[in-house]
């Protein structure tokens, strides 16, 4: 059984990831030149939070459900919430959120390999002329690089079902960056074991000698065996982007806290000489 995001859509990890995604795309939009978003593991694109699957886990209640009536959130969170509200009762996945942030000249490429999920993605997104959809393994999408726009973002957001997922991500980054050294690369990952996550971050720093920033959100939940923290590791981040996101993460750590140990972490590094 493949991973089904409809059980988890809108949870704290989605909120964290999508606030940062919107921030990255807004940073790229500061220049008039077009950008391309490549989403390697796109999913179906849109999720019904009233669906039985979402109600079964109820994870969205401690994610987007907590933010619906937030007063005076930081600008990156406010921008994200405005985009989400544009979908009515649905919760947008990364490809549709990317399209919501895109200008007329920008483009989104989305890959999804599971046939049934790809069909849902096609129904949800194919009508937009700015999108290109590919039914293929996201780890093969390096073949689509570099994009014609020559600037943009690759979002690598696998389901982490494979025991070697960190290895697969690193191998993909090597192939992708060899084809497009100037791209921005954002890798979402779960923090189920902090030591394993730290090893992954150090590996990226060692194998991909370019500037980067690692951002994490810990919701402070006590339950063992469940994901209570996640991260986004960004290579080649836009100038000043991490500093803009830090107040938003601090705010999210409080707003999404499920225990007294909720926190956010931001660690940046410079390209190797």
Foldseek 3Di string as FASTA:
>chain_A
DDDACLLPPQAALQLVVQLLLLLQLVLVVVDVQAAEEEELAFFLFKYQCVDPSNVVNVRNCLGVVLVQPDDPAAPSSVVSNVLQVVVPRMGGTDQSSSVSSGDPRYAYEYEHADVVRLVSNCVVPVVDPRYHYYNDRSLPCLVCPDDPSLEYEYEAEDPPPDPCVLVSVLVSCVSNCVRRVQYKYKYKFFPLDVVVVVVSVVVCVVSNQAKKKKKKWAQADDDHPDGRMMIMIMGNGRPPSVVSCVSNRQVSQVSSHPHPPIDMDMDIDHGDD
